[in-house]
Structure formats: C-alpha cells, structure tokens
C-alpha cells in the first residue's frame, strides 16, 4: 500500500505495480528492466499480467508504459507501492 505521508519526486527511485490486460510470461523481464512479471487470476475471456519492481525514476516508468502500449497491451492500473 502506498505511504500517503511520503512525497514522490519525478527523479526518485520507487516501486510500482503495473497491471495489464493480456499475457506476458517472465521471459519478458529483461525488456522491462528486470521487473518481476507474474500472471494474475483471470476469466476465460481475459488474461491479466502484473509487472512489479523498482523503477529508477518516472522517465523509466514512462518508457515501460510506452513499451506496453507499443505491444498493444492495455494498461489497467499503475500503483506506487511503499518505497523499499
């Protein structure tokens, strides 16, 4: 859960959880800076993937989101997690 009293800065390392609609296996981790890639529970019609880990700054986060968009994978959510 995000630490509501903490302040996030653009040029700050932070941990994020990105949920996407679609399936990526863990072989894609290198394409996303070594972030952890896991399958999420899904319905018969819709696969879900969760990408989690530390990102150097928000510029890197935007690069990851753009890569997902380029792959045609809709982004369901982006969550800032408590810094680790």
PDB file of N, CA and C in Angstrom:
ATOM      1  N   UNK A   1       0.841  -1.179   0.000  1.00  0.00           N
ATOM      2  CA  UNK A   1       0.000   0.000   0.000  1.00  0.00           C
ATOM      3  C   UNK A   1       0.884   1.240   0.000  1.00  0.00           C
ATOM      4  N   UNK A   2       0.473   2.257  -0.698  1.00  0.00           N
ATOM      5  CA  UNK A   2       1.258   3.485  -0.799  1.00  0.00           C
ATOM      6  C   UNK A   2       1.318   4.203   0.542  1.00  0.00           C
ATOM      7  N   UNK A   3       2.457   4.806   0.810  1.00  0.00           N
ATOM      8  CA  UNK A   3       2.642   5.592   2.011  1.00  0.00           C
ATOM      9  C   UNK A   3       2.125   6.991   1.721  1.00  0.00           C
ATOM     10  N   UNK A   4       0.927   7.322   2.227  1.00  0.00           N
ATOM     11  CA  UNK A   4       0.289   8.595   1.894  1.00  0.00           C
ATOM     12  C   UNK A   4       1.024   9.796   2.455  1.00  0.00           C
ATOM     13  N   UNK A   5       1.852   9.623   3.502  1.00  0.00           N
ATOM     14  CA  UNK A   5       2.558  10.753   4.080  1.00  0.00           C
ATOM     15  C   UNK A   5       3.866  11.036   3.343  1.00  0.00           C
ATOM     16  N   UNK A   6       4.334  10.118   2.515  1.00  0.00           N
ATOM     17  CA  UNK A   6       5.578  10.306   1.771  1.00  0.00           C
ATOM     18  C   UNK A   6       5.307  11.133   0.513  1.00  0.00           C
ATOM     19  N   UNK A   7       6.354  11.818   0.071  1.00  0.00           N
ATOM     20  CA  UNK A   7       6.246  12.606  -1.157  1.00  0.00           C
ATOM     21  C   UNK A   7       7.060  11.920  -2.236  1.00  0.00           C
ATOM     22  N   UNK A   8       6.488  11.799  -3.378  1.00  0.00           N
ATOM     23  CA  UNK A   8       7.152  11.188  -4.520  1.00  0.00           C
ATOM     24  C   UNK A   8       7.690  12.295  -5.415  1.00  0.00           C
ATOM     25  N   UNK A   9       8.921  12.121  -5.898  1.00  0.00           N
ATOM     26  CA  UNK A   9       9.530  13.096  -6.799  1.00  0.00           C
ATOM     27  C   UNK A   9       9.752  12.438  -8.157  1.00  0.00           C
ATOM     28  N   UNK A  10       9.810  13.252  -9.202  1.00  0.00           N
ATOM     29  CA  UNK A  10       9.963  12.760 -10.565  1.00  0.00           C
ATOM     30  C   UNK A  10      11.269  11.977 -10.732  1.00  0.00           C
ATOM     31  N   UNK A  11      12.345  12.443 -10.125  1.00  0.00           N
ATOM     32  CA  UNK A  11      13.658  11.819 -10.289  1.00  0.00           C
ATOM     33  C   UNK A  11      14.002  10.915  -9.104  1.00  0.00           C
ATOM     34  N   UNK A  12      13.028  10.151  -8.637  1.00  0.00           N
ATOM     35  CA  UNK A  12      13.202   9.300  -7.458  1.00  0.00           C
ATOM     36  C   UNK A  12      12.967   7.834  -7.809  1.00  0.00           C
ATOM     37  N   UNK A  13      13.820   6.963  -7.275  1.00  0.00           N
ATOM     38  CA  UNK A  13      13.596   5.522  -7.398  1.00  0.00           C
ATOM     39  C   UNK A  13      12.350   5.177  -6.582  1.00  0.00           C
ATOM     40  N   UNK A  14      11.487   4.348  -7.172  1.00  0.00           N
ATOM     41  CA  UNK A  14      10.258   3.958  -6.486  1.00  0.00           C
ATOM     42  C   UNK A  14       9.818   2.577  -6.975  1.00  0.00           C
ATOM     43  N   UNK A  15       8.980   1.950  -6.186  1.00  0.00           N
ATOM     44  CA  UNK A  15       8.452   0.637  -6.530  1.00  0.00           C
ATOM     45  C   UNK A  15       7.026   0.797  -7.053  1.00  0.00           C
ATOM     46  N   UNK A  16       6.760   0.136  -8.180  1.00  0.00           N
ATOM     47  CA  UNK A  16       5.444   0.224  -8.813  1.00  0.00           C
ATOM     48  C   UNK A  16       4.889  -1.166  -9.096  1.00  0.00           C
ATOM     49  N   UNK A  17       3.566  -1.235  -9.160  1.00  0.00           N
ATOM     50  CA  UNK A  17       2.859  -2.424  -9.628  1.00  0.00           C
ATOM     51  C   UNK A  17       2.002  -1.965 -10.807  1.00  0.00           C
ATOM     52  N   UNK A  18       2.238  -2.581 -11.966  1.00  0.00           N
ATOM     53  CA  UNK A  18       1.507  -2.241 -13.184  1.00  0.00           C
ATOM     54  C   UNK A  18       0.680  -3.454 -13.578  1.00  0.00           C
ATOM     55  N   UNK A  19      -0.605  -3.284 -13.715  1.00  0.00           N
ATOM     56  CA  UNK A  19      -1.485  -4.381 -14.128  1.00  0.00           C
ATOM     57  C   UNK A  19      -1.909  -4.136 -15.567  1.00  0.00           C
ATOM     58  N   UNK A  20      -1.725  -5.159 -16.400  1.00  0.00           N
ATOM     59  CA  UNK A  20      -2.090  -5.022 -17.806  1.00  0.00           C
ATOM     60  C   UNK A  20      -3.079  -6.108 -18.196  1.00  0.00           C
ATOM     61  N   UNK A  21      -3.852  -5.807 -19.207  1.00  0.00           N
ATOM     62  CA  UNK A  21      -4.767  -6.776 -19.801  1.00  0.00           C
ATOM     63  C   UNK A  21      -3.995  -7.492 -20.895  1.00  0.00           C
ATOM     64  N   UNK A  22      -3.885  -8.798 -20.782  1.00  0.00           N
ATOM     65  CA  UNK A  22      -3.114  -9.571 -21.738  1.00  0.00           C
ATOM     66  C   UNK A  22      -2.081 -10.401 -21.010  1.00  0.00           C
ATOM     67  N   UNK A  23      -1.356 -11.215 -21.755  1.00  0.00           N
ATOM     68  CA  UNK A  23      -0.419 -12.145 -21.136  1.00  0.00           C
ATOM     69  C   UNK A  23       1.010 -11.876 -21.581  1.00  0.00           C
ATOM     70  N   UNK A  24       1.898 -11.740 -20.616  1.00  0.00           N
ATOM     71  CA  UNK A  24       3.344 -11.729 -20.828  1.00  0.00           C
ATOM     72  C   UNK A  24       3.922 -12.763 -19.871  1.00  0.00           C
ATOM     73  N   UNK A  25       4.839 -13.599 -20.340  1.00  0.00           N
ATOM     74  CA  UNK A  25       5.481 -14.520 -19.404  1.00  0.00           C
ATOM     75  C   UNK A  25       6.759 -13.870 -18.880  1.00  0.00           C
ATOM     76  N   UNK A  26       7.405 -14.548 -17.918  1.00  0.00           N
ATOM     77  CA  UNK A  26       8.567 -13.949 -17.266  1.00  0.00           C
ATOM     78  C   UNK A  26       9.783 -13.798 -18.174  1.00  0.00           C
ATOM     79  N   UNK A  27       9.740 -14.353 -19.376  1.00  0.00           N
ATOM     80  CA  UNK A  27      10.848 -14.166 -20.312  1.00  0.00           C
ATOM     81  C   UNK A  27      10.931 -12.708 -20.799  1.00  0.00           C
ATOM     82  N   UNK A  28       9.899 -11.924 -20.572  1.00  0.00           N
ATOM     83  CA  UNK A  28       9.874 -10.515 -20.956  1.00  0.00           C
ATOM     84  C   UNK A  28      10.538  -9.615 -19.916  1.00  0.00           C
ATOM     85  N   UNK A  29      10.957 -10.159 -18.783  1.00  0.00           N
ATOM     86  CA  UNK A  29      11.502  -9.343 -17.697  1.00  0.00           C
ATOM     87  C   UNK A  29      12.657  -8.462 -18.157  1.00  0.00           C
ATOM     88  N   UNK A  30      13.553  -8.979 -18.990  1.00  0.00           N
ATOM     89  CA  UNK A  30      14.687  -8.183 -19.467  1.00  0.00           C
ATOM     90  C   UNK A  30      14.245  -6.981 -20.295  1.00  0.00           C
ATOM     91  N   UNK A  31      13.099  -7.092 -20.956  1.00  0.00           N
ATOM     92  CA  UNK A  31      12.581  -5.989 -21.764  1.00  0.00           C
ATOM     93  C   UNK A  31      12.005  -4.876 -20.895  1.00  0.00           C
ATOM     94  N   UNK A  32      11.792  -5.186 -19.617  1.00  0.00           N
ATOM     95  CA  UNK A  32      11.206  -4.214 -18.695  1.00  0.00           C
ATOM     96  C   UNK A  32      12.120  -3.980 -17.496  1.00  0.00           C
ATOM     97  N   UNK A  33      13.416  -3.896 -17.746  1.00  0.00           N
ATOM     98  CA  UNK A  33      14.379  -3.542 -16.712  1.00  0.00           C
ATOM     99  C   UNK A  33      14.496  -4.543 -15.580  1.00  0.00           C
ATOM    100  N   UNK A  34      14.192  -5.805 -15.841  1.00  0.00           N
ATOM    101  CA  UNK A  34      14.310  -6.828 -14.812  1.00  0.00           C
ATOM    102  C   UNK A  34      13.164  -6.861 -13.816  1.00  0.00           C
ATOM    103  N   UNK A  35      12.075  -6.160 -14.098  1.00  0.00           N
ATOM    104  CA  UNK A  35      10.927  -6.182 -13.201  1.00  0.00           C
ATOM    105  C   UNK A  35      10.296  -7.575 -13.187  1.00  0.00           C
ATOM    106  N   UNK A  36       9.663  -7.922 -12.082  1.00  0.00           N
ATOM    107  CA  UNK A  36       9.005  -9.223 -11.948  1.00  0.00           C
ATOM    108  C   UNK A  36       7.706  -9.229 -12.749  1.00  0.00           C
ATOM    109  N   UNK A  37       7.489 -10.302 -13.497  1.00  0.00           N
ATOM    110  CA  UNK A  37       6.280 -10.443 -14.309  1.00  0.00           C
ATOM    111  C   UNK A  37       5.554 -11.692 -13.853  1.00  0.00           C
ATOM    112  N   UNK A  38       4.296 -11.528 -13.443  1.00  0.00           N
ATOM    113  CA  UNK A  38       3.501 -12.654 -12.970  1.00  0.00           C
ATOM    114  C   UNK A  38       2.114 -12.611 -13.590  1.00  0.00           C
ATOM    115  N   UNK A  39       1.511 -13.786 -13.702  1.00  0.00           N
ATOM    116  CA  UNK A  39       0.133 -13.877 -14.182  1.00  0.00           C
ATOM    117  C   UNK A  39      -0.803 -13.587 -13.027  1.00  0.00           C
ATOM    118  N   UNK A  40      -1.896 -12.956 -13.358  1.00  0.00           N
ATOM    119  CA  UNK A  40      -2.918 -12.660 -12.356  1.00  0.00           C
ATOM    120  C   UNK A  40      -4.121 -13.552 -12.628  1.00  0.00           C
ATOM    121  N   UNK A  41      -4.930 -13.823 -11.603  1.00  0.00           N
ATOM    122  CA  UNK A  41      -6.157 -14.579 -11.858  1.00  0.00           C
ATOM    123  C   UNK A  41      -6.969 -13.895 -12.945  1.00  0.00           C
ATOM    124  N   UNK A  42      -7.528 -14.686 -13.850  1.00  0.00           N
ATOM    125  CA  UNK A  42      -8.260 -14.106 -14.973  1.00  0.00           C
ATOM    126  C   UNK A  42      -9.512 -14.909 -15.266  1.00  0.00           C
ATOM    127  N   UNK A  43     -10.347 -14.318 -16.077  1.00  0.00           N
ATOM    128  CA  UNK A  43     -11.538 -15.014 -16.536  1.00  0.00           C
ATOM    129  C   UNK A  43     -11.181 -15.777 -17.804  1.00  0.00           C
ATOM    130  N   UNK A  44     -12.098 -16.553 -18.300  1.00  0.00           N
ATOM    131  CA  UNK A  44     -11.849 -17.326 -19.521  1.00  0.00           C
ATOM    132  C   UNK A  44     -11.635 -16.413 -20.723  1.00  0.00           C
ATOM    133  N   UNK A  45     -12.141 -15.200 -20.666  1.00  0.00           N
ATOM    134  CA  UNK A  45     -12.063 -14.287 -21.800  1.00  0.00           C
ATOM    135  C   UNK A  45     -10.908 -13.298 -21.709  1.00  0.00           C
ATOM    136  N   UNK A  46     -10.289 -13.159 -20.552  1.00  0.00           N
ATOM    137  CA  UNK A  46      -9.323 -12.077 -20.373  1.00  0.00           C
ATOM    138  C   UNK A  46      -8.127 -12.521 -19.525  1.00  0.00           C
ATOM    139  N   UNK A  47      -6.920 -12.449 -20.095  1.00  0.00           N
ATOM    140  CA  UNK A  47      -5.695 -12.719 -19.348  1.00  0.00           C
ATOM    141  C   UNK A  47      -5.226 -11.435 -18.692  1.00  0.00           C
ATOM    142  N   UNK A  48      -4.596 -11.560 -17.522  1.00  0.00           N
ATOM    143  CA  UNK A  48      -4.067 -10.412 -16.815  1.00  0.00           C
ATOM    144  C   UNK A  48      -2.619 -10.699 -16.424  1.00  0.00           C
ATOM    145  N   UNK A  49      -1.781  -9.666 -16.461  1.00  0.00           N
ATOM    146  CA  UNK A  49      -0.383  -9.773 -16.066  1.00  0.00           C
ATOM    147  C   UNK A  49      -0.062  -8.628 -15.121  1.00  0.00           C
ATOM    148  N   UNK A  50       0.776  -8.921 -14.111  1.00  0.00           N
ATOM    149  CA  UNK A  50       1.210  -7.892 -13.174  1.00  0.00           C
ATOM    150  C   UNK A  50       2.724  -7.769 -13.277  1.00  0.00           C
ATOM    151  N   UNK A  51       3.191  -6.533 -13.431  1.00  0.00           N
ATOM    152  CA  UNK A  51       4.612  -6.218 -13.521  1.00  0.00           C
ATOM    153  C   UNK A  51       4.952  -5.389 -12.282  1.00  0.00           C
ATOM    154  N   UNK A  52       5.919  -5.874 -11.496  1.00  0.00           N
ATOM    155  CA  UNK A  52       6.229  -5.239 -10.220  1.00  0.00           C
ATOM    156  C   UNK A  52       7.728  -5.072 -10.039  1.00  0.00           C
ATOM    157  N   UNK A  53       8.136  -3.951  -9.451  1.00  0.00           N
ATOM    158  CA  UNK A  53       9.535  -3.770  -9.099  1.00  0.00           C
ATOM    159  C   UNK A  53       9.936  -2.321  -9.002  1.00  0.00           C
ATOM    160  N   UNK A  54      11.223  -2.129  -8.691  1.00  0.00           N
ATOM    161  CA  UNK A  54      11.763  -0.784  -8.560  1.00  0.00           C
ATOM    162  C   UNK A  54      12.091  -0.193  -9.919  1.00  0.00           C
ATOM    163  N   UNK A  55      11.736   1.061 -10.075  1.00  0.00           N
ATOM    164  CA  UNK A  55      11.988   1.827 -11.289  1.00  0.00           C
ATOM    165  C   UNK A  55      12.868   3.017 -10.877  1.00  0.00           C
ATOM    166  N   UNK A  56      13.889   3.318 -11.687  1.00  0.00           N
ATOM    167  CA  UNK A  56      14.849   4.369 -11.323  1.00  0.00           C
ATOM    168  C   UNK A  56      14.206   5.739 -11.133  1.00  0.00           C
ATOM    169  N   UNK A  57      13.284   6.093 -12.022  1.00  0.00           N
ATOM    170  CA  UNK A  57      12.613   7.388 -11.945  1.00  0.00           C
ATOM    171  C   UNK A  57      11.372   7.325 -12.830  1.00  0.00           C
ATOM    172  N   UNK A  58      10.635   8.419 -12.874  1.00  0.00           N
ATOM    173  CA  UNK A  58       9.395   8.389 -13.643  1.00  0.00           C
ATOM    174  C   UNK A  58       9.635   8.406 -15.146  1.00  0.00           C
ATOM    175  N   UNK A  59      10.791   8.828 -15.596  1.00  0.00           N
ATOM    176  CA  UNK A  59      11.114   8.732 -17.022  1.00  0.00           C
ATOM    177  C   UNK A  59      11.190   7.248 -17.425  1.00  0.00           C
ATOM    178  N   UNK A  60      11.819   6.425 -16.575  1.00  0.00           N
ATOM    179  CA  UNK A  60      11.885   4.988 -16.847  1.00  0.00           C
ATOM    180  C   UNK A  60      10.485   4.374 -16.800  1.00  0.00           C
ATOM    181  N   UNK A  61       9.664   4.822 -15.853  1.00  0.00           N
ATOM    182  CA  UNK A  61       8.284   4.341 -15.764  1.00  0.00           C
ATOM    183  C   UNK A  61       7.528   4.642 -17.057  1.00  0.00           C
ATOM    184  N   UNK A  62       7.693   5.846 -17.586  1.00  0.00           N
ATOM    185  CA  UNK A  62       7.030   6.198 -18.846  1.00  0.00           C
ATOM    186  C   UNK A  62       7.524   5.325 -19.996  1.00  0.00           C
ATOM    187  N   UNK A  63       8.819   5.003 -20.007  1.00  0.00           N
ATOM    188  CA  UNK A  63       9.355   4.107 -21.031  1.00  0.00           C
ATOM    189  C   UNK A  63       8.711   2.734 -20.968  1.00  0.00           C
ATOM    190  N   UNK A  64       8.501   2.222 -19.761  1.00  0.00           N
ATOM    191  CA  UNK A  64       7.850   0.917 -19.592  1.00  0.00           C
ATOM    192  C   UNK A  64       6.410   0.988 -20.089  1.00  0.00           C
ATOM    193  N   UNK A  65       5.705   2.039 -19.712  1.00  0.00           N
ATOM    194  CA  UNK A  65       4.310   2.189 -20.140  1.00  0.00           C
ATOM    195  C   UNK A  65       4.209   2.328 -21.659  1.00  0.00           C
ATOM    196  N   UNK A  66       5.135   3.054 -22.262  1.00  0.00           N
ATOM    197  CA  UNK A  66       5.147   3.187 -23.727  1.00  0.00           C
ATOM    198  C   UNK A  66       5.412   1.844 -24.397  1.00  0.00           C
ATOM    199  N   UNK A  67       6.332   1.043 -23.847  1.00  0.00           N
ATOM    200  CA  UNK A  67       6.617  -0.277 -24.400  1.00  0.00           C
ATOM    201  C   UNK A  67       5.368  -1.160 -24.373  1.00  0.00           C
ATOM    202  N   UNK A  68       4.641  -1.113 -23.267  1.00  0.00           N
ATOM    203  CA  UNK A  68       3.404  -1.893 -23.155  1.00  0.00           C
ATOM    204  C   UNK A  68       2.392  -1.433 -24.198  1.00  0.00           C
ATOM    205  N   UNK A  69       2.290  -0.132 -24.387  1.00  0.00           N
ATOM    206  CA  UNK A  69       1.383   0.418 -25.394  1.00  0.00           C
ATOM    207  C   UNK A  69       1.797  -0.038 -26.791  1.00  0.00           C
ATOM    208  N   UNK A  70       3.106  -0.003 -27.078  1.00  0.00           N
ATOM    209  CA  UNK A  70       3.609  -0.451 -28.381  1.00  0.00           C
ATOM    210  C   UNK A  70       3.289  -1.916 -28.645  1.00  0.00           C
ATOM    211  N   UNK A  71       3.226  -2.716 -27.564  1.00  0.00           N
ATOM    212  CA  UNK A  71       2.877  -4.137 -27.699  1.00  0.00           C
ATOM    213  C   UNK A  71       1.368  -4.348 -27.823  1.00  0.00           C
ATOM    214  N   UNK A  72       0.595  -3.285 -27.689  1.00  0.00           N
ATOM    215  CA  UNK A  72      -0.857  -3.386 -27.795  1.00  0.00           C
ATOM    216  C   UNK A  72      -1.506  -3.967 -26.555  1.00  0.00           C
ATOM    217  N   UNK A  73      -0.850  -3.805 -25.404  1.00  0.00           N
ATOM    218  CA  UNK A  73      -1.373  -4.347 -24.148  1.00  0.00           C
ATOM    219  C   UNK A  73      -1.989  -3.222 -23.316  1.00  0.00           C
ATOM    220  N   UNK A  74      -3.305  -3.215 -23.157  1.00  0.00           N
ATOM    221  CA  UNK A  74      -3.960  -2.158 -22.393  1.00  0.00           C
ATOM    222  C   UNK A  74      -3.508  -2.158 -20.933  1.00  0.00           C
ATOM    223  N   UNK A  75      -3.260  -0.969 -20.394  1.00  0.00           N
ATOM    224  CA  UNK A  75      -2.836  -0.802 -19.010  1.00  0.00           C
ATOM    225  C   UNK A  75      -4.086  -0.629 -18.150  1.00  0.00           C
ATOM    226  N   UNK A  76      -4.234  -1.525 -17.173  1.00  0.00           N
ATOM    227  CA  UNK A  76      -5.397  -1.463 -16.277  1.00  0.00           C
ATOM    228  C   UNK A  76      -5.146  -0.549 -15.092  1.00  0.00           C
ATOM    229  N   UNK A  77      -3.918  -0.608 -14.536  1.00  0.00           N
ATOM    230  CA  UNK A  77      -3.608   0.250 -13.392  1.00  0.00           C
ATOM    231  C   UNK A  77      -2.097   0.379 -13.207  1.00  0.00           C
ATOM    232  N   UNK A  78      -1.703   1.493 -12.606  1.00  0.00           N
ATOM    233  CA  UNK A  78      -0.320   1.739 -12.197  1.00  0.00           C
ATOM    234  C   UNK A  78      -0.409   2.192 -10.745  1.00  0.00           C
ATOM    235  N   UNK A  79       0.296   1.468  -9.869  1.00  0.00           N
ATOM    236  CA  UNK A  79       0.214   1.770  -8.439  1.00  0.00           C
ATOM    237  C   UNK A  79       1.614   1.982  -7.867  1.00  0.00           C
ATOM    238  N   UNK A  80       1.801   3.097  -7.173  1.00  0.00           N
ATOM    239  CA  UNK A  80       3.035   3.363  -6.464  1.00  0.00           C
ATOM    240  C   UNK A  80       2.959   2.632  -5.130  1.00  0.00           C
ATOM    241  N   UNK A  81       3.919   1.764  -4.870  1.00  0.00           N
ATOM    242  CA  UNK A  81       3.949   0.996  -3.628  1.00  0.00           C
ATOM    243  C   UNK A  81       4.871   1.678  -2.627  1.00  0.00           C
ATOM    244  N   UNK A  82       4.773   1.283  -1.395  1.00  0.00           N
ATOM    245  CA  UNK A  82       5.655   1.831  -0.359  1.00  0.00           C
ATOM    246  C   UNK A  82       7.100   1.617  -0.779  1.00  0.00           C
ATOM    247  N   UNK A  83       7.913   2.641  -0.655  1.00  0.00           N
ATOM    248  CA  UNK A  83       9.317   2.538  -1.025  1.00  0.00           C
ATOM    249  C   UNK A  83      10.001   1.445  -0.217  1.00  0.00           C
ATOM    250  N   UNK A  84      10.911   0.728  -0.916  1.00  0.00           N
ATOM    251  CA  UNK A  84      11.614  -0.367  -0.255  1.00  0.00           C
ATOM    252  C   UNK A  84      13.088  -0.113  -0.263  1.00  0.00           C
TER     253      UNK A  84
END
